[in-house]
Amino acid sequence: MTDPSQLIEYVGRFRLTRRIARGGMATVYEAEQVGDRGFTKRVALKVIHEKYAREPEWLQLFIDEAKLSANLVHGNIVQIFQFEEVKGQFYMAMEYIRGVTVRALIDRHRALDEPLQPALAAYIVSRVCRALDFAHNFVDDLGRRLHIVHRDVSPGNILLTWDGQVKLGDFGIAKARTMHDPAEANHLTIGKKHYMSPEQVLGMPVDWRTDIFSTSVVLFELLAREQLFREIETELAMDEVTIAPTPNIPRLLPDVDQGLAGLITLGISKAPTVRPNAAMLGLALDQWCQKQGDIVSPERLQAHLAKVFPSTYAPPVQARDAGGGLPNSSPI
């Protein structure tokens, strides 16, 4: 997998263009799907590392990601096109996103020392809520609700396209209630510690409410340009979320409307039963924007991205030549 010019031969061939990101479990490449008569399609190709491919439980996690995500066809979710095995190597072809992550947006505003307009933050998170609501309530062909939980909502896994669309990616550690979970079986905590709910940090069984906690933490970070939870040492980080008092959001965000701060407070409640579901939180955020008379559209988000990323912004018609693409997540 080190030669970017090689072809991966199977039911659709992929020409590797460049390596985009290498994570703990997999590597993501920019690639072209090559078909007959000159057909090509730009994709992101996610390849599981060989050592994990040899571990049945972790390989199953990778396979489950493909199976779950392939059927989550929604405008705010990064799409999965294909999954294959070739000579012991496992590949997942995904929608190739041209744009930036929410992590990059937060970092850019921090560098500029400029706050993000609250309505833009609310809009981004309301679209994440739409993605989560679809996943949380997804049913299989028999009409059975699968109770899918993402478990890794964080700024690096939310993508903003140059034309102003918001997409949630990386269902790599997502699980449905019917699936075996190697983390639970081995008493492991997986996810990004600064975005995990108290129940997730403690290794307890989780449901959709853990995603609401994480999403609310992301909303805080968009507004504050700083992480809500910052402890580095694992034990201290666990205590910060599970034992320490719930952060006083209105005090931490004195310049933000108290109605918006109140939604964050509900979302990060230590008691899961207090948290709104994804549909409720998304609707509340949209209604908050309406109440402020500050309606956001994809065009407005697009204009904002063009303003704050002037050197890398690539309008859709220029994106192929100008670059600026991202895989579905970084880090993996």
C-alpha atoms as a PDB file:
ATOM      1  CA  MET A   1       0.000   0.000   0.000  1.00  0.00           C
ATOM      2  CA  THR A   2       3.007   2.315  -0.266  1.00  0.00           C
ATOM      3  CA  ASP A   3       2.888   2.917  -4.034  1.00  0.00           C
ATOM      4  CA  PRO A   4       0.248   5.604  -4.782  1.00  0.00           C
ATOM      5  CA  SER A   5       0.194   4.605  -8.461  1.00  0.00           C
ATOM      6  CA  GLN A   6      -0.893   1.014  -7.928  1.00  0.00           C
ATOM      7  CA  LEU A   7      -4.345  -0.277  -8.791  1.00  0.00           C
ATOM      8  CA  ILE A   8      -6.441  -2.202  -6.310  1.00  0.00           C
ATOM      9  CA  GLU A   9      -8.195  -4.768  -8.444  1.00  0.00           C
ATOM     10  CA  TYR A  10     -11.690  -5.927  -7.551  1.00  0.00           C
ATOM     11  CA  VAL A  11     -15.276  -5.169  -8.432  1.00  0.00           C
ATOM     12  CA  GLY A  12     -14.347  -1.532  -8.980  1.00  0.00           C
ATOM     13  CA  ARG A  13     -10.688  -0.631  -9.281  1.00  0.00           C
ATOM     14  CA  PHE A  14      -9.159   2.152  -7.214  1.00  0.00           C
ATOM     15  CA  ARG A  15      -6.139   4.190  -8.154  1.00  0.00           C
ATOM     16  CA  LEU A  16      -4.485   5.625  -5.047  1.00  0.00           C
ATOM     17  CA  THR A  17      -3.646   9.316  -5.371  1.00  0.00           C
ATOM     18  CA  ARG A  18      -2.154  10.128  -1.979  1.00  0.00           C
ATOM     19  CA  ARG A  19      -2.281   9.151   1.664  1.00  0.00           C
ATOM     20  CA  ILE A  20      -4.411  11.612   3.592  1.00  0.00           C
ATOM     21  CA  ALA A  21      -4.333  10.349   7.147  1.00  0.00           C
ATOM     22  CA  ARG A  22      -3.029   7.444   9.171  1.00  0.00           C
ATOM     23  CA  GLY A  23      -4.747   6.582  12.424  1.00  0.00           C
ATOM     24  CA  GLY A  24      -4.429   3.906  15.012  1.00  0.00           C
ATOM     25  CA  MET A  25      -6.696   1.433  13.237  1.00  0.00           C
ATOM     26  CA  ALA A  26      -6.703   2.418   9.569  1.00  0.00           C
ATOM     27  CA  THR A  27      -5.229   4.604   6.846  1.00  0.00           C
ATOM     28  CA  VAL A  28      -7.277   6.835   4.549  1.00  0.00           C
ATOM     29  CA  TYR A  29      -6.203   7.497   0.963  1.00  0.00           C
ATOM     30  CA  GLU A  30      -7.512   9.839  -1.661  1.00  0.00           C
ATOM     31  CA  ALA A  31      -8.291   7.617  -4.617  1.00  0.00           C
ATOM     32  CA  GLU A  32     -10.055   7.406  -7.946  1.00  0.00           C
ATOM     33  CA  GLN A  33     -12.543   4.671  -8.655  1.00  0.00           C
ATOM     34  CA  VAL A  34     -11.800   3.606 -12.213  1.00  0.00           C
ATOM     35  CA  GLY A  35     -14.456   2.170 -14.491  1.00  0.00           C
ATOM     36  CA  ASP A  36     -14.926   1.377 -18.141  1.00  0.00           C
ATOM     37  CA  ARG A  37     -14.597   3.899 -20.966  1.00  0.00           C
ATOM     38  CA  GLY A  38     -12.728   6.477 -18.927  1.00  0.00           C
ATOM     39  CA  PHE A  39     -15.142   6.614 -15.982  1.00  0.00           C
ATOM     40  CA  THR A  40     -13.574   7.912 -12.750  1.00  0.00           C
ATOM     41  CA  LYS A  41     -14.986   8.936  -9.399  1.00  0.00           C
ATOM     42  CA  ARG A  42     -13.037  10.579  -6.594  1.00  0.00           C
ATOM     43  CA  VAL A  43     -13.416   8.686  -3.310  1.00  0.00           C
ATOM     44  CA  ALA A  44     -11.738   8.302   0.047  1.00  0.00           C
ATOM     45  CA  LEU A  45     -10.432   4.783   0.592  1.00  0.00           C
ATOM     46  CA  LYS A  46     -10.129   3.553   4.161  1.00  0.00           C
ATOM     47  CA  VAL A  47      -7.815   0.558   4.648  1.00  0.00           C
ATOM     48  CA  ILE A  48      -7.612  -1.285   7.965  1.00  0.00           C
ATOM     49  CA  HIS A  49      -4.088  -1.917   9.259  1.00  0.00           C
ATOM     50  CA  GLU A  50      -2.905  -5.488   8.799  1.00  0.00           C
ATOM     51  CA  LYS A  51      -2.457  -6.163  12.521  1.00  0.00           C
ATOM     52  CA  TYR A  52      -6.120  -5.343  13.154  1.00  0.00           C
ATOM     53  CA  ALA A  53      -7.217  -7.318  10.110  1.00  0.00           C
ATOM     54  CA  ARG A  54      -5.687 -10.360  11.840  1.00  0.00           C
ATOM     55  CA  GLU A  55      -7.704  -9.756  15.029  1.00  0.00           C
ATOM     56  CA  PRO A  56     -11.246 -11.091  14.491  1.00  0.00           C
ATOM     57  CA  GLU A  57     -12.942  -8.775  16.971  1.00  0.00           C
ATOM     58  CA  TRP A  58     -11.360  -5.580  15.619  1.00  0.00           C
ATOM     59  CA  LEU A  59     -11.815  -6.660  12.025  1.00  0.00           C
ATOM     60  CA  GLN A  60     -15.481  -7.180  12.824  1.00  0.00           C
ATOM     61  CA  LEU A  61     -15.645  -3.608  14.126  1.00  0.00           C
ATOM     62  CA  PHE A  62     -14.339  -2.394  10.757  1.00  0.00           C
ATOM     63  CA  ILE A  63     -16.814  -4.595   8.894  1.00  0.00           C
ATOM     64  CA  ASP A  64     -19.645  -3.401  11.121  1.00  0.00           C
ATOM     65  CA  GLU A  65     -18.748   0.214  10.320  1.00  0.00           C
ATOM     66  CA  ALA A  66     -19.139  -0.520   6.629  1.00  0.00           C
ATOM     67  CA  LYS A  67     -22.409  -2.380   7.129  1.00  0.00           C
ATOM     68  CA  LEU A  68     -23.913   0.279   9.360  1.00  0.00           C
ATOM     69  CA  SER A  69     -22.798   3.298   7.371  1.00  0.00           C
ATOM     70  CA  ALA A  70     -23.640   1.864   3.941  1.00  0.00           C
ATOM     71  CA  ASN A  71     -27.342   2.020   4.721  1.00  0.00           C
ATOM     72  CA  LEU A  72     -27.291   5.348   6.539  1.00  0.00           C
ATOM     73  CA  VAL A  73     -28.165   7.321   3.424  1.00  0.00           C
ATOM     74  CA  HIS A  74     -28.705  10.865   4.650  1.00  0.00           C
ATOM     75  CA  GLY A  75     -27.577  14.277   3.471  1.00  0.00           C
ATOM     76  CA  ASN A  76     -25.736  14.964   6.721  1.00  0.00           C
ATOM     77  CA  ILE A  77     -23.883  11.633   6.880  1.00  0.00           C
ATOM     78  CA  VAL A  78     -20.748  10.747   4.924  1.00  0.00           C
ATOM     79  CA  GLN A  79     -21.710   7.982   2.507  1.00  0.00           C
ATOM     80  CA  ILE A  80     -20.103   4.535   2.199  1.00  0.00           C
ATOM     81  CA  PHE A  81     -20.020   3.185  -1.355  1.00  0.00           C
ATOM     82  CA  GLN A  82     -18.254  -0.160  -1.251  1.00  0.00           C
ATOM     83  CA  PHE A  83     -16.529  -2.693   0.987  1.00  0.00           C
ATOM     84  CA  GLU A  84     -14.196  -5.424  -0.230  1.00  0.00           C
ATOM     85  CA  GLU A  85     -11.429  -7.811   0.783  1.00  0.00           C
ATOM     86  CA  VAL A  86      -8.475  -8.455  -1.525  1.00  0.00           C
ATOM     87  CA  LYS A  87      -5.788 -10.919  -0.463  1.00  0.00           C
ATOM     88  CA  GLY A  88      -6.411 -10.320   3.227  1.00  0.00           C
ATOM     89  CA  GLN A  89      -6.611  -6.536   2.937  1.00  0.00           C
ATOM     90  CA  PHE A  90      -9.917  -4.842   3.729  1.00  0.00           C
ATOM     91  CA  TYR A  91     -11.031  -1.636   2.041  1.00  0.00           C
ATOM     92  CA  MET A  92     -13.929   0.769   2.427  1.00  0.00           C
ATOM     93  CA  ALA A  93     -14.702   3.307  -0.319  1.00  0.00           C
ATOM     94  CA  MET A  94     -16.324   6.460   1.037  1.00  0.00           C
ATOM     95  CA  GLU A  95     -17.615   9.821  -0.099  1.00  0.00           C
ATOM     96  CA  TYR A  96     -14.679  12.182  -0.585  1.00  0.00           C
ATOM     97  CA  ILE A  97     -15.336  15.454   1.213  1.00  0.00           C
ATOM     98  CA  ARG A  98     -13.855  18.691  -0.069  1.00  0.00           C
ATOM     99  CA  GLY A  99     -13.787  21.133   2.778  1.00  0.00           C
ATOM    100  CA  VAL A 100     -12.639  21.342   6.392  1.00  0.00           C
ATOM    101  CA  THR A 101     -13.407  19.717   9.705  1.00  0.00           C
ATOM    102  CA  VAL A 102     -15.076  21.533  12.563  1.00  0.00           C
ATOM    103  CA  ARG A 103     -11.760  21.057  14.374  1.00  0.00           C
ATOM    104  CA  ALA A 104     -10.051  23.127  11.664  1.00  0.00           C
ATOM    105  CA  LEU A 105     -12.786  25.780  11.896  1.00  0.00           C
ATOM    106  CA  ILE A 106     -12.360  26.097  15.666  1.00  0.00           C
ATOM    107  CA  ASP A 107      -8.585  26.252  15.360  1.00  0.00           C
ATOM    108  CA  ARG A 108      -8.846  28.897  12.651  1.00  0.00           C
ATOM    109  CA  HIS A 109     -11.083  31.121  14.757  1.00  0.00           C
ATOM    110  CA  ARG A 110      -8.740  30.706  17.691  1.00  0.00           C
ATOM    111  CA  ALA A 111      -5.811  31.750  15.499  1.00  0.00           C
ATOM    112  CA  LEU A 112      -7.756  34.767  14.230  1.00  0.00           C
ATOM    113  CA  ASP A 113      -8.892  35.557  17.783  1.00  0.00           C
ATOM    114  CA  GLU A 114     -12.408  35.966  16.455  1.00  0.00           C
ATOM    115  CA  PRO A 115     -15.532  34.289  17.863  1.00  0.00           C
ATOM    116  CA  LEU A 116     -17.728  32.218  15.597  1.00  0.00           C
ATOM    117  CA  GLN A 117     -21.168  33.721  15.166  1.00  0.00           C
ATOM    118  CA  PRO A 118     -23.494  31.803  17.522  1.00  0.00           C
ATOM    119  CA  ALA A 119     -26.062  31.231  14.792  1.00  0.00           C
ATOM    120  CA  LEU A 120     -23.431  29.521  12.629  1.00  0.00           C
ATOM    121  CA  ALA A 121     -22.440  27.283  15.540  1.00  0.00           C
ATOM    122  CA  ALA A 122     -26.092  26.452  16.204  1.00  0.00           C
ATOM    123  CA  TYR A 123     -26.667  25.698  12.513  1.00  0.00           C
ATOM    124  CA  ILE A 124     -23.702  23.334  12.279  1.00  0.00           C
ATOM    125  CA  VAL A 125     -24.748  21.401  15.370  1.00  0.00           C
ATOM    126  CA  SER A 126     -28.421  21.292  14.338  1.00  0.00           C
ATOM    127  CA  ARG A 127     -27.325  19.483  11.161  1.00  0.00           C
ATOM    128  CA  VAL A 128     -25.270  17.048  13.213  1.00  0.00           C
ATOM    129  CA  CYS A 129     -28.441  16.436  15.215  1.00  0.00           C
ATOM    130  CA  ARG A 130     -30.295  15.598  12.003  1.00  0.00           C
ATOM    131  CA  ALA A 131     -27.653  12.990  11.191  1.00  0.00           C
ATOM    132  CA  LEU A 132     -27.828  11.533  14.686  1.00  0.00           C
ATOM    133  CA  ASP A 133     -31.614  11.459  14.740  1.00  0.00           C
ATOM    134  CA  PHE A 134     -31.563   9.470  11.498  1.00  0.00           C
ATOM    135  CA  ALA A 135     -28.986   7.019  12.882  1.00  0.00           C
ATOM    136  CA  HIS A 136     -30.597   6.673  16.306  1.00  0.00           C
ATOM    137  CA  ASN A 137     -33.980   5.805  14.771  1.00  0.00           C
ATOM    138  CA  PHE A 138     -32.774   3.781  11.787  1.00  0.00           C
ATOM    139  CA  VAL A 139     -34.661   0.557  11.136  1.00  0.00           C
ATOM    140  CA  ASP A 140     -33.593  -2.519   9.161  1.00  0.00           C
ATOM    141  CA  ASP A 141     -35.482  -4.180   6.312  1.00  0.00           C
ATOM    142  CA  LEU A 142     -37.716  -5.944   8.823  1.00  0.00           C
ATOM    143  CA  GLY A 143     -38.690  -2.688  10.486  1.00  0.00           C
ATOM    144  CA  ARG A 144     -36.590  -3.310  13.593  1.00  0.00           C
ATOM    145  CA  ARG A 145     -34.969  -0.258  15.149  1.00  0.00           C
ATOM    146  CA  LEU A 146     -31.223  -0.875  15.383  1.00  0.00           C
ATOM    147  CA  HIS A 147     -30.492   1.680  18.129  1.00  0.00           C
ATOM    148  CA  ILE A 148     -27.306   2.868  16.412  1.00  0.00           C
ATOM    149  CA  VAL A 149     -25.019   4.952  18.634  1.00  0.00           C
ATOM    150  CA  HIS A 150     -22.127   6.869  17.055  1.00  0.00           C
ATOM    151  CA  ARG A 151     -19.994   7.074  20.247  1.00  0.00           C
ATOM    152  CA  ASP A 152     -17.381   9.355  18.660  1.00  0.00           C
ATOM    153  CA  VAL A 153     -19.012  12.707  17.913  1.00  0.00           C
ATOM    154  CA  SER A 154     -16.167  15.222  18.033  1.00  0.00           C
ATOM    155  CA  PRO A 155     -14.904  18.222  16.019  1.00  0.00           C
ATOM    156  CA  GLY A 156     -12.622  16.063  13.891  1.00  0.00           C
ATOM    157  CA  ASN A 157     -15.496  13.844  12.772  1.00  0.00           C
ATOM    158  CA  ILE A 158     -17.771  16.655  11.579  1.00  0.00           C
ATOM    159  CA  LEU A 159     -17.053  17.810   8.035  1.00  0.00           C
ATOM    160  CA  LEU A 160     -17.980  21.121   6.425  1.00  0.00           C
ATOM    161  CA  THR A 161     -17.970  21.096   2.644  1.00  0.00           C
ATOM    162  CA  TRP A 162     -16.827  24.157   0.739  1.00  0.00           C
ATOM    163  CA  ASP A 163     -20.411  24.648  -0.464  1.00  0.00           C
ATOM    164  CA  GLY A 164     -21.769  24.821   3.077  1.00  0.00           C
ATOM    165  CA  GLN A 165     -23.002  21.307   3.825  1.00  0.00           C
ATOM    166  CA  VAL A 166     -22.485  19.633   7.216  1.00  0.00           C
ATOM    167  CA  LYS A 167     -21.679  15.915   7.347  1.00  0.00           C
ATOM    168  CA  LEU A 168     -21.076  13.556  10.239  1.00  0.00           C
ATOM    169  CA  GLY A 169     -18.493  10.893   9.486  1.00  0.00           C
ATOM    170  CA  ASP A 170     -16.491   8.076  11.019  1.00  0.00           C
ATOM    171  CA  PHE A 171     -18.900   5.527  12.383  1.00  0.00           C
ATOM    172  CA  GLY A 172     -15.812   3.451  13.150  1.00  0.00           C
ATOM    173  CA  ILE A 173     -16.824   2.741  16.741  1.00  0.00           C
ATOM    174  CA  ALA A 174     -20.563   3.083  16.251  1.00  0.00           C
ATOM    175  CA  LYS A 175     -22.643   0.127  17.335  1.00  0.00           C
ATOM    176  CA  ALA A 176     -26.125  -1.205  16.976  1.00  0.00           C
ATOM    177  CA  ARG A 177     -27.787  -3.004  19.847  1.00  0.00           C
ATOM    178  CA  THR A 178     -27.660  -6.267  17.897  1.00  0.00           C
ATOM    179  CA  MET A 179     -23.883  -6.128  17.298  1.00  0.00           C
ATOM    180  CA  HIS A 180     -21.071  -7.625  19.314  1.00  0.00           C
ATOM    181  CA  ASP A 181     -18.906  -4.908  20.871  1.00  0.00           C
ATOM    182  CA  PRO A 182     -15.236  -5.813  21.479  1.00  0.00           C
ATOM    183  CA  ALA A 183     -14.891  -2.801  23.772  1.00  0.00           C
ATOM    184  CA  GLU A 184     -17.604  -4.047  26.131  1.00  0.00           C
ATOM    185  CA  ALA A 185     -16.359  -7.621  25.891  1.00  0.00           C
ATOM    186  CA  ASN A 186     -12.839  -6.566  26.878  1.00  0.00           C
ATOM    187  CA  HIS A 187     -13.901  -3.810  29.310  1.00  0.00           C
ATOM    188  CA  LEU A 188     -12.275  -1.133  27.153  1.00  0.00           C
ATOM    189  CA  THR A 189     -13.246   2.503  26.850  1.00  0.00           C
ATOM    190  CA  ILE A 190     -13.139   3.709  23.257  1.00  0.00           C
ATOM    191  CA  GLY A 191     -13.779   7.210  22.004  1.00  0.00           C
ATOM    192  CA  LYS A 192     -12.159  10.602  22.551  1.00  0.00           C
ATOM    193  CA  LYS A 193     -11.989  11.209  26.275  1.00  0.00           C
ATOM    194  CA  HIS A 194     -12.738  14.939  26.163  1.00  0.00           C
ATOM    195  CA  TYR A 195     -16.074  14.308  24.423  1.00  0.00           C
ATOM    196  CA  MET A 196     -17.313  11.167  26.151  1.00  0.00           C
ATOM    197  CA  SER A 197     -20.323  11.157  28.448  1.00  0.00           C
ATOM    198  CA  PRO A 198     -19.970  10.068  32.084  1.00  0.00           C
ATOM    199  CA  GLU A 199     -21.517   6.682  31.312  1.00  0.00           C
ATOM    200  CA  GLN A 200     -19.185   6.161  28.346  1.00  0.00           C
ATOM    201  CA  VAL A 201     -16.116   7.141  30.385  1.00  0.00           C
ATOM    202  CA  LEU A 202     -17.099   4.608  33.045  1.00  0.00           C
ATOM    203  CA  GLY A 203     -17.455   1.826  30.476  1.00  0.00           C
ATOM    204  CA  MET A 204     -21.170   1.446  31.109  1.00  0.00           C
ATOM    205  CA  PRO A 205     -23.665   0.475  28.381  1.00  0.00           C
ATOM    206  CA  VAL A 206     -24.573   3.544  26.324  1.00  0.00           C
ATOM    207  CA  ASP A 207     -27.449   4.610  24.114  1.00  0.00           C
ATOM    208  CA  TRP A 208     -28.302   7.666  22.003  1.00  0.00           C
ATOM    209  CA  ARG A 209     -27.943   9.948  25.028  1.00  0.00           C
ATOM    210  CA  THR A 210     -24.157   9.619  25.014  1.00  0.00           C
ATOM    211  CA  ASP A 211     -24.119  11.179  21.524  1.00  0.00           C
ATOM    212  CA  ILE A 212     -26.161  14.125  22.802  1.00  0.00           C
ATOM    213  CA  PHE A 213     -23.591  14.754  25.516  1.00  0.00           C
ATOM    214  CA  SER A 214     -20.755  14.731  22.976  1.00  0.00           C
ATOM    215  CA  THR A 215     -22.659  16.940  20.540  1.00  0.00           C
ATOM    216  CA  SER A 216     -23.342  19.502  23.249  1.00  0.00           C
ATOM    217  CA  VAL A 217     -19.645  19.553  24.154  1.00  0.00           C
ATOM    218  CA  VAL A 218     -18.872  20.285  20.491  1.00  0.00           C
ATOM    219  CA  LEU A 219     -21.369  23.171  20.507  1.00  0.00           C
ATOM    220  CA  PHE A 220     -19.665  24.631  23.554  1.00  0.00           C
ATOM    221  CA  GLU A 221     -16.285  24.393  21.860  1.00  0.00           C
ATOM    222  CA  LEU A 222     -17.559  26.115  18.714  1.00  0.00           C
ATOM    223  CA  LEU A 223     -18.707  29.030  20.851  1.00  0.00           C
ATOM    224  CA  ALA A 224     -15.804  29.147  23.313  1.00  0.00           C
ATOM    225  CA  ARG A 225     -12.998  28.147  20.910  1.00  0.00           C
ATOM    226  CA  GLU A 226     -11.699  26.124  23.861  1.00  0.00           C
ATOM    227  CA  GLN A 227     -12.388  22.604  25.064  1.00  0.00           C
ATOM    228  CA  LEU A 228     -14.931  22.190  27.829  1.00  0.00           C
ATOM    229  CA  PHE A 229     -13.005  19.327  29.416  1.00  0.00           C
ATOM    230  CA  ARG A 230      -9.223  19.687  29.350  1.00  0.00           C
ATOM    231  CA  GLU A 231      -7.591  17.225  31.746  1.00  0.00           C
ATOM    232  CA  ILE A 232      -4.839  15.244  30.045  1.00  0.00           C
ATOM    233  CA  GLU A 233      -4.233  12.400  32.483  1.00  0.00           C
ATOM    234  CA  THR A 234      -6.802   9.679  31.942  1.00  0.00           C
ATOM    235  CA  GLU A 235      -7.876   9.332  35.580  1.00  0.00           C
ATOM    236  CA  LEU A 236      -8.190  13.094  36.013  1.00  0.00           C
ATOM    237  CA  ALA A 237     -10.169  13.311  32.786  1.00  0.00           C
ATOM    238  CA  MET A 238     -12.550  10.649  34.059  1.00  0.00           C
ATOM    239  CA  ASP A 239     -13.026  12.490  37.338  1.00  0.00           C
ATOM    240  CA  GLU A 240     -13.584  15.773  35.487  1.00  0.00           C
ATOM    241  CA  VAL A 241     -16.584  14.307  33.689  1.00  0.00           C
ATOM    242  CA  THR A 242     -17.991  11.912  36.280  1.00  0.00           C
ATOM    243  CA  ILE A 243     -17.271  13.446  39.699  1.00  0.00           C
ATOM    244  CA  ALA A 244     -16.634  17.174  39.310  1.00  0.00           C
ATOM    245  CA  PRO A 245     -19.689  19.459  39.254  1.00  0.00           C
ATOM    246  CA  THR A 246     -21.298  20.053  35.881  1.00  0.00           C
ATOM    247  CA  PRO A 247     -19.626  23.111  34.299  1.00  0.00           C
ATOM    248  CA  ASN A 248     -21.510  26.386  34.659  1.00  0.00           C
ATOM    249  CA  ILE A 249     -22.074  27.128  30.984  1.00  0.00           C
ATOM    250  CA  PRO A 250     -23.619  30.624  31.388  1.00  0.00           C
ATOM    251  CA  ARG A 251     -20.583  31.656  33.435  1.00  0.00           C
ATOM    252  CA  LEU A 252     -18.145  30.164  30.917  1.00  0.00           C
ATOM    253  CA  LEU A 253     -19.981  31.795  27.995  1.00  0.00           C
ATOM    254  CA  PRO A 254     -21.041  35.180  29.380  1.00  0.00           C
ATOM    255  CA  ASP A 255     -21.419  36.742  25.920  1.00  0.00           C
ATOM    256  CA  VAL A 256     -23.667  33.975  24.580  1.00  0.00           C
ATOM    257  CA  ASP A 257     -27.445  34.184  24.814  1.00  0.00           C
ATOM    258  CA  GLN A 258     -28.631  32.322  27.889  1.00  0.00           C
ATOM    259  CA  GLY A 259     -31.149  30.319  25.896  1.00  0.00           C
ATOM    260  CA  LEU A 260     -28.353  28.794  23.834  1.00  0.00           C
ATOM    261  CA  ALA A 261     -26.207  28.259  26.929  1.00  0.00           C
ATOM    262  CA  GLY A 262     -29.172  26.517  28.541  1.00  0.00           C
ATOM    263  CA  LEU A 263     -29.383  24.009  25.697  1.00  0.00           C
ATOM    264  CA  ILE A 264     -25.738  23.092  26.256  1.00  0.00           C
ATOM    265  CA  THR A 265     -26.378  22.686  29.978  1.00  0.00           C
ATOM    266  CA  LEU A 266     -29.215  20.253  29.283  1.00  0.00           C
ATOM    267  CA  GLY A 267     -27.102  18.305  26.820  1.00  0.00           C
ATOM    268  CA  ILE A 268     -24.180  17.799  29.202  1.00  0.00           C
ATOM    269  CA  SER A 269     -26.271  16.780  32.183  1.00  0.00           C
ATOM    270  CA  LYS A 270     -24.711  13.936  34.139  1.00  0.00           C
ATOM    271  CA  ALA A 271     -28.170  12.372  34.286  1.00  0.00           C
ATOM    272  CA  PRO A 272     -28.829  10.888  30.829  1.00  0.00           C
ATOM    273  CA  THR A 273     -32.595  11.133  31.302  1.00  0.00           C
ATOM    274  CA  VAL A 274     -32.384  14.943  31.347  1.00  0.00           C
ATOM    275  CA  ARG A 275     -30.763  15.198  27.924  1.00  0.00           C
ATOM    276  CA  PRO A 276     -33.020  15.931  24.938  1.00  0.00           C
ATOM    277  CA  ASN A 277     -32.997  13.562  22.009  1.00  0.00           C
ATOM    278  CA  ALA A 278     -31.321  14.556  18.756  1.00  0.00           C
ATOM    279  CA  ALA A 279     -34.516  15.698  17.065  1.00  0.00           C
ATOM    280  CA  MET A 280     -35.471  17.864  20.039  1.00  0.00           C
ATOM    281  CA  LEU A 281     -32.023  19.441  20.318  1.00  0.00           C
ATOM    282  CA  GLY A 282     -31.819  20.123  16.585  1.00  0.00           C
ATOM    283  CA  LEU A 283     -35.270  21.705  16.539  1.00  0.00           C
ATOM    284  CA  ALA A 284     -34.477  23.794  19.619  1.00  0.00           C
ATOM    285  CA  LEU A 285     -31.325  25.119  17.938  1.00  0.00           C
ATOM    286  CA  ASP A 286     -33.241  26.027  14.773  1.00  0.00           C
ATOM    287  CA  GLN A 287     -35.947  27.730  16.828  1.00  0.00           C
ATOM    288  CA  TRP A 288     -33.304  29.643  18.758  1.00  0.00           C
ATOM    289  CA  CYS A 289     -31.894  30.982  15.486  1.00  0.00           C
ATOM    290  CA  GLN A 290     -35.389  31.988  14.348  1.00  0.00           C
ATOM    291  CA  LYS A 291     -36.014  33.775  17.634  1.00  0.00           C
ATOM    292  CA  GLN A 292     -32.791  35.726  17.145  1.00  0.00           C
ATOM    293  CA  GLY A 293     -33.843  36.602  13.610  1.00  0.00           C
ATOM    294  CA  ASP A 294     -30.562  35.090  12.455  1.00  0.00           C
ATOM    295  CA  ILE A 295     -31.310  32.361   9.931  1.00  0.00           C
ATOM    296  CA  VAL A 296     -28.352  30.422   8.531  1.00  0.00           C
ATOM    297  CA  SER A 297     -28.243  28.663   5.167  1.00  0.00           C
ATOM    298  CA  PRO A 298     -25.633  26.566   3.357  1.00  0.00           C
ATOM    299  CA  GLU A 299     -24.818  29.649   1.298  1.00  0.00           C
ATOM    300  CA  ARG A 300     -24.046  31.633   4.426  1.00  0.00           C
ATOM    301  CA  LEU A 301     -21.823  28.881   5.803  1.00  0.00           C
ATOM    302  CA  GLN A 302     -20.100  28.655   2.423  1.00  0.00           C
ATOM    303  CA  ALA A 303     -19.416  32.391   2.460  1.00  0.00           C
ATOM    304  CA  HIS A 304     -18.034  32.144   5.974  1.00  0.00           C
ATOM    305  CA  LEU A 305     -15.663  29.333   5.040  1.00  0.00           C
ATOM    306  CA  ALA A 306     -14.460  31.339   2.057  1.00  0.00           C
ATOM    307  CA  LYS A 307     -13.767  34.271   4.346  1.00  0.00           C
ATOM    308  CA  VAL A 308     -11.830  32.454   7.070  1.00  0.00           C
ATOM    309  CA  PHE A 309      -9.979  30.008   4.795  1.00  0.00           C
ATOM    310  CA  PRO A 310      -9.005  32.322   1.924  1.00  0.00           C
ATOM    311  CA  SER A 311      -5.889  30.407   0.926  1.00  0.00           C
ATOM    312  CA  THR A 312      -7.451  26.948   0.776  1.00  0.00           C
ATOM    313  CA  TYR A 313     -11.111  27.619  -0.009  1.00  0.00           C
ATOM    314  CA  ALA A 314     -11.990  25.901  -3.270  1.00  0.00           C
ATOM    315  CA  PRO A 315     -15.455  26.474  -4.781  1.00  0.00           C
ATOM    316  CA  PRO A 316     -17.035  23.239  -6.025  1.00  0.00           C
ATOM    317  CA  VAL A 317     -16.311  23.942  -9.696  1.00  0.00           C
ATOM    318  CA  GLN A 318     -12.644  24.508  -8.889  1.00  0.00           C
ATOM    319  CA  ALA A 319     -12.174  21.866  -6.214  1.00  0.00           C
ATOM    320  CA  ARG A 320     -10.807  19.147  -8.504  1.00  0.00           C
ATOM    321  CA  ASP A 321      -7.976  21.383  -9.680  1.00  0.00           C
ATOM    322  CA  ALA A 322      -7.383  23.349  -6.505  1.00  0.00           C
ATOM    323  CA  GLY A 323      -7.403  20.453  -4.037  1.00  0.00           C
ATOM    324  CA  GLY A 324      -8.603  21.072  -0.508  1.00  0.00           C
ATOM    325  CA  GLY A 325     -10.292  17.721  -0.050  1.00  0.00           C
ATOM    326  CA  LEU A 326     -10.669  15.772   3.147  1.00  0.00           C
ATOM    327  CA  PRO A 327     -11.547  12.189   3.987  1.00  0.00           C
ATOM    328  CA  ASN A 328     -14.554  11.404   6.120  1.00  0.00           C
ATOM    329  CA  SER A 329     -12.591  11.936   9.312  1.00  0.00           C
ATOM    330  CA  SER A 330      -9.268  12.983  10.695  1.00  0.00           C
ATOM    331  CA  PRO A 331      -7.987  11.449  12.851  1.00  0.00           C
ATOM    332  CA  ILE A 332      -9.464   8.057  12.035  1.00  0.00           C
END
